[in-house]
Amino acid sequence: MSSQTWWYIARSGGIVALALAGASVLWGLFMSTRLLNGTPSPKWLLDLHRFLGGLAVVFTGIHIAGLMFDSYIGFTWVDVTVPMAAGWKPGAVAWGVVGMWLLLAVELTSLVMKRIPRRAWRLIHFTSYAMVWTGVMHGALAGSDANNRIYIAGVSLMILGIFYLTIYRILAVKRRSGKAKAKSATARAAATTSGSTPDDAPRPAPRRQRVPAANN
């Protein structure tokens, strides 16, 4: 085996891991924005989303294994698991370490989603954006392919896609919220016009009838 084989494995594993993590986030946004209009089935979409995230974990492991077995720099377990512990480019490596922990947090909480509060799961899942960003920064500062045009084009398309779908999702949520409010207002107006009173509305107290005084 060539002395540079493990280095090539580390490089390719890191690039594939970043691409899979970005694809998982993009697919999750496709699901939440409903751009695919239910085709294919929602279950298939969810399975693919989880599959991409799981593969990202696998290739992150391959990336770390390549770094550990490569003898040029000589990374240790502490270097690849603790931010700023590496002796080689500690800041650049720290971006990758943080991204790895965020990826693991997102994937592990997704596996136990039904056993944890929904709000907690959503907050952790939103860190997927930070996970992709830390991966991009790690590749830009520590990667040997940071100046490769194909790599730059691929990462740029991924970032633009995530940015576009995120803005689309925010606007879609606002639009659905506005439609719901308008529908509710229309229903209240129709109820008022027809003279009906909503069940939860306070009803006026009945008037007391005056009894005429008796003539003596």
Foldseek 3Di string as FASTA:
>chain_A
DDLCPLVVQLQVLLLLLLLLLLVLLLLVLCLLLCPVVCPPHPVVSVVVSLVSLVVSLVSLVSNVVSVCPRPPQHDDPCLQQPQQPGPPPRPLSNLVNVLNVLSVQLNVCVVVVVVDDVVVNVVSVVCSVVSSVSSLSSCCPPNPCNVPPVSVVSSVVSVVSSVVSVVSSVVSVVVVVVVVVVVVVVVVVVCVVVVHDDPPDDDDDDDDDDDDDDDD
